[in-house]
Amino acid sequence: MEKLIVKTDKAPGAIGPYSQGMQVGDLVFTSGQIPLNPVTGELVTGDIKKATIQSLENVKAILEEADTSLDKVVKTTVFVKDLKDFAAVNEVYGSYFTVNQPARSCVEVSRLPMDSLVEIEVIAVK
């Protein structure tokens, strides 16, 4: 099966040897998206809800570039700097996934790229 790189200017560019997303057959895999504004290059800090929104908007942009959408997501992985923020992250997350919610893992990690508060990756179908 052919691997196709997914790339868009509507999400932050890769800052290492990886792709924003990868399509294999009818599956689209996004790299983890931190709350980096693709226009300004600034990291959303200090507000976990705003950070979660930006991370999900970045994911959404990559999926749209691959001709799919958040409603086609089957699995998400959410990494948070502090699990005490889970309720706030979950509130925002729930506003993006309102029906047919995907399977999900959420884990607290000691550190994320650029010391961000949250990072989100997904797998979606076309």
C-alpha atoms as a PDB file:
ATOM      1  CA  MET A   1       0.000   0.000   0.000  1.00  0.00           C
ATOM      2  CA  GLU A   2       1.250   3.449  -0.878  1.00  0.00           C
ATOM      3  CA  LYS A   3       1.995   5.990   1.851  1.00  0.00           C
ATOM      4  CA  LEU A   4       1.002   9.570   1.055  1.00  0.00           C
ATOM      5  CA  ILE A   5       2.298  12.521   3.044  1.00  0.00           C
ATOM      6  CA  VAL A   6      -0.345  14.991   4.223  1.00  0.00           C
ATOM      7  CA  LYS A   7       0.889  18.579   4.458  1.00  0.00           C
ATOM      8  CA  THR A   8      -0.935  21.875   4.954  1.00  0.00           C
ATOM      9  CA  ASP A   9      -0.020  25.463   5.799  1.00  0.00           C
ATOM     10  CA  LYS A  10      -3.150  25.598   7.981  1.00  0.00           C
ATOM     11  CA  ALA A  11      -1.370  23.612  10.702  1.00  0.00           C
ATOM     12  CA  PRO A  12       2.117  24.046  12.148  1.00  0.00           C
ATOM     13  CA  GLY A  13       4.875  22.639   9.973  1.00  0.00           C
ATOM     14  CA  ALA A  14       6.869  19.670  11.151  1.00  0.00           C
ATOM     15  CA  ILE A  15       9.816  20.753  13.299  1.00  0.00           C
ATOM     16  CA  GLY A  16      11.701  17.503  12.904  1.00  0.00           C
ATOM     17  CA  PRO A  17      12.023  14.421  10.699  1.00  0.00           C
ATOM     18  CA  TYR A  18       8.310  13.611  10.539  1.00  0.00           C
ATOM     19  CA  SER A  19       5.176  14.538   8.576  1.00  0.00           C
ATOM     20  CA  GLN A  20       2.094  16.409   9.770  1.00  0.00           C
ATOM     21  CA  GLY A  21       0.102  13.430   8.607  1.00  0.00           C
ATOM     22  CA  MET A  22       0.268  10.238   6.644  1.00  0.00           C
ATOM     23  CA  GLN A  23      -2.387   8.510   4.565  1.00  0.00           C
ATOM     24  CA  VAL A  24      -2.224   4.773   4.019  1.00  0.00           C
ATOM     25  CA  GLY A  25      -5.166   3.364   2.114  1.00  0.00           C
ATOM     26  CA  ASP A  26      -8.325   4.726   3.720  1.00  0.00           C
ATOM     27  CA  LEU A  27      -6.616   5.633   7.002  1.00  0.00           C
ATOM     28  CA  VAL A  28      -5.160   9.020   7.935  1.00  0.00           C
ATOM     29  CA  PHE A  29      -2.732   9.317  10.839  1.00  0.00           C
ATOM     30  CA  THR A  30      -1.832  12.731  12.242  1.00  0.00           C
ATOM     31  CA  SER A  31       1.307  13.506  14.143  1.00  0.00           C
ATOM     32  CA  GLY A  32       0.749  14.894  17.615  1.00  0.00           C
ATOM     33  CA  GLN A  33      -0.424  18.493  17.449  1.00  0.00           C
ATOM     34  CA  ILE A  34       0.576  20.920  20.146  1.00  0.00           C
ATOM     35  CA  PRO A  35      -1.242  24.253  20.512  1.00  0.00           C
ATOM     36  CA  LEU A  36       0.996  26.109  18.110  1.00  0.00           C
ATOM     37  CA  ASN A  37      -0.725  28.798  16.050  1.00  0.00           C
ATOM     38  CA  PRO A  38       0.249  28.132  12.409  1.00  0.00           C
ATOM     39  CA  VAL A  39      -0.127  31.804  11.443  1.00  0.00           C
ATOM     40  CA  THR A  40       1.816  33.472  14.243  1.00  0.00           C
ATOM     41  CA  GLY A  41       4.057  30.579  15.245  1.00  0.00           C
ATOM     42  CA  GLU A  42       3.164  31.308  18.881  1.00  0.00           C
ATOM     43  CA  LEU A  43       2.384  28.604  21.412  1.00  0.00           C
ATOM     44  CA  VAL A  44      -0.904  28.939  23.305  1.00  0.00           C
ATOM     45  CA  THR A  45       0.063  28.903  26.978  1.00  0.00           C
ATOM     46  CA  GLY A  46      -1.566  29.508  30.326  1.00  0.00           C
ATOM     47  CA  ASP A  47      -5.092  28.360  29.407  1.00  0.00           C
ATOM     48  CA  ILE A  48      -5.654  24.631  28.893  1.00  0.00           C
ATOM     49  CA  LYS A  49      -9.010  25.154  27.156  1.00  0.00           C
ATOM     50  CA  LYS A  50      -7.545  27.554  24.580  1.00  0.00           C
ATOM     51  CA  ALA A  51      -4.564  25.230  24.154  1.00  0.00           C
ATOM     52  CA  THR A  52      -6.850  22.250  23.540  1.00  0.00           C
ATOM     53  CA  ILE A  53      -8.865  24.233  20.983  1.00  0.00           C
ATOM     54  CA  GLN A  54      -5.702  25.145  19.074  1.00  0.00           C
ATOM     55  CA  SER A  55      -4.428  21.553  19.117  1.00  0.00           C
ATOM     56  CA  LEU A  56      -7.760  20.276  17.798  1.00  0.00           C
ATOM     57  CA  GLU A  57      -7.934  23.002  15.153  1.00  0.00           C
ATOM     58  CA  ASN A  58      -4.483  21.899  13.960  1.00  0.00           C
ATOM     59  CA  VAL A  59      -5.661  18.277  13.810  1.00  0.00           C
ATOM     60  CA  LYS A  60      -8.801  19.372  11.956  1.00  0.00           C
ATOM     61  CA  ALA A  61      -6.741  21.257   9.339  1.00  0.00           C
ATOM     62  CA  ILE A  62      -4.576  18.206   8.637  1.00  0.00           C
ATOM     63  CA  LEU A  63      -7.616  15.962   8.311  1.00  0.00           C
ATOM     64  CA  GLU A  64      -9.315  18.413   5.953  1.00  0.00           C
ATOM     65  CA  GLU A  65      -6.182  18.478   3.774  1.00  0.00           C
ATOM     66  CA  ALA A  66      -6.520  14.691   3.544  1.00  0.00           C
ATOM     67  CA  ASP A  67     -10.202  15.014   2.530  1.00  0.00           C
ATOM     68  CA  THR A  68     -11.554  13.674   5.796  1.00  0.00           C
ATOM     69  CA  SER A  69     -12.845  15.245   9.009  1.00  0.00           C
ATOM     70  CA  LEU A  70     -13.141  15.018  12.762  1.00  0.00           C
ATOM     71  CA  ASP A  71     -16.386  13.039  12.453  1.00  0.00           C
ATOM     72  CA  LYS A  72     -14.384  10.275  10.757  1.00  0.00           C
ATOM     73  CA  VAL A  73     -11.860   9.968  13.603  1.00  0.00           C
ATOM     74  CA  VAL A  74     -11.745   6.459  15.070  1.00  0.00           C
ATOM     75  CA  LYS A  75      -8.973   6.869  17.678  1.00  0.00           C
ATOM     76  CA  THR A  76      -7.391   9.756  19.542  1.00  0.00           C
ATOM     77  CA  THR A  77      -4.484   9.980  21.922  1.00  0.00           C
ATOM     78  CA  VAL A  78      -4.361  12.994  24.222  1.00  0.00           C
ATOM     79  CA  PHE A  79      -1.194  13.831  26.127  1.00  0.00           C
ATOM     80  CA  VAL A  80      -1.512  16.336  28.970  1.00  0.00           C
ATOM     81  CA  LYS A  81       1.141  17.940  31.111  1.00  0.00           C
ATOM     82  CA  ASP A  82      -1.121  17.779  34.174  1.00  0.00           C
ATOM     83  CA  LEU A  83      -3.959  15.277  34.539  1.00  0.00           C
ATOM     84  CA  LYS A  84      -5.668  17.796  36.833  1.00  0.00           C
ATOM     85  CA  ASP A  85      -6.565  19.568  33.564  1.00  0.00           C
ATOM     86  CA  PHE A  86      -8.488  16.512  32.339  1.00  0.00           C
ATOM     87  CA  ALA A  87     -11.973  17.939  33.025  1.00  0.00           C
ATOM     88  CA  ALA A  88     -11.217  21.149  31.087  1.00  0.00           C
ATOM     89  CA  VAL A  89      -9.615  19.235  28.211  1.00  0.00           C
ATOM     90  CA  ASN A  90     -12.567  16.841  28.176  1.00  0.00           C
ATOM     91  CA  GLU A  91     -15.052  19.734  27.996  1.00  0.00           C
ATOM     92  CA  VAL A  92     -13.379  21.160  24.887  1.00  0.00           C
ATOM     93  CA  TYR A  93     -12.766  17.716  23.389  1.00  0.00           C
ATOM     94  CA  GLY A  94     -16.452  16.862  23.807  1.00  0.00           C
ATOM     95  CA  SER A  95     -17.458  19.949  21.836  1.00  0.00           C
ATOM     96  CA  TYR A  96     -15.425  18.688  18.846  1.00  0.00           C
ATOM     97  CA  PHE A  97     -16.567  15.059  19.043  1.00  0.00           C
ATOM     98  CA  THR A  98     -20.325  15.248  19.624  1.00  0.00           C
ATOM     99  CA  VAL A  99     -21.540  12.030  17.952  1.00  0.00           C
ATOM    100  CA  ASN A 100     -19.920   8.660  17.375  1.00  0.00           C
ATOM    101  CA  GLN A 101     -17.085   9.584  19.694  1.00  0.00           C
ATOM    102  CA  PRO A 102     -13.809   7.875  18.821  1.00  0.00           C
ATOM    103  CA  ALA A 103     -11.877   5.538  21.059  1.00  0.00           C
ATOM    104  CA  ARG A 104      -9.471   7.578  23.192  1.00  0.00           C
ATOM    105  CA  SER A 105      -6.475   7.356  25.451  1.00  0.00           C
ATOM    106  CA  CYS A 106      -5.449  10.240  27.700  1.00  0.00           C
ATOM    107  CA  VAL A 107      -2.187  10.191  29.588  1.00  0.00           C
ATOM    108  CA  GLU A 108      -0.196  12.584  31.706  1.00  0.00           C
ATOM    109  CA  VAL A 109       3.384  13.036  30.558  1.00  0.00           C
ATOM    110  CA  SER A 110       6.310  14.754  32.220  1.00  0.00           C
ATOM    111  CA  ARG A 111       7.024  17.059  29.297  1.00  0.00           C
ATOM    112  CA  LEU A 112       5.760  17.888  25.800  1.00  0.00           C
ATOM    113  CA  PRO A 113       7.435  19.658  22.863  1.00  0.00           C
ATOM    114  CA  MET A 114       7.972  23.373  23.542  1.00  0.00           C
ATOM    115  CA  ASP A 115       6.752  22.658  27.092  1.00  0.00           C
ATOM    116  CA  SER A 116       3.156  22.772  25.818  1.00  0.00           C
ATOM    117  CA  LEU A 117       0.172  21.877  27.992  1.00  0.00           C
ATOM    118  CA  VAL A 118      -1.414  19.367  25.608  1.00  0.00           C
ATOM    119  CA  GLU A 119      -0.717  17.347  22.460  1.00  0.00           C
ATOM    120  CA  ILE A 120      -3.317  15.452  20.435  1.00  0.00           C
ATOM    121  CA  GLU A 121      -2.949  12.867  17.657  1.00  0.00           C
ATOM    122  CA  VAL A 122      -5.675  11.019  15.779  1.00  0.00           C
ATOM    123  CA  ILE A 123      -6.412   8.238  13.341  1.00  0.00           C
ATOM    124  CA  ALA A 124      -9.284   8.816  10.911  1.00  0.00           C
ATOM    125  CA  VAL A 125     -10.896   7.010   8.006  1.00  0.00           C
ATOM    126  CA  LYS A 126     -11.530   8.593   4.614  1.00  0.00           C
END
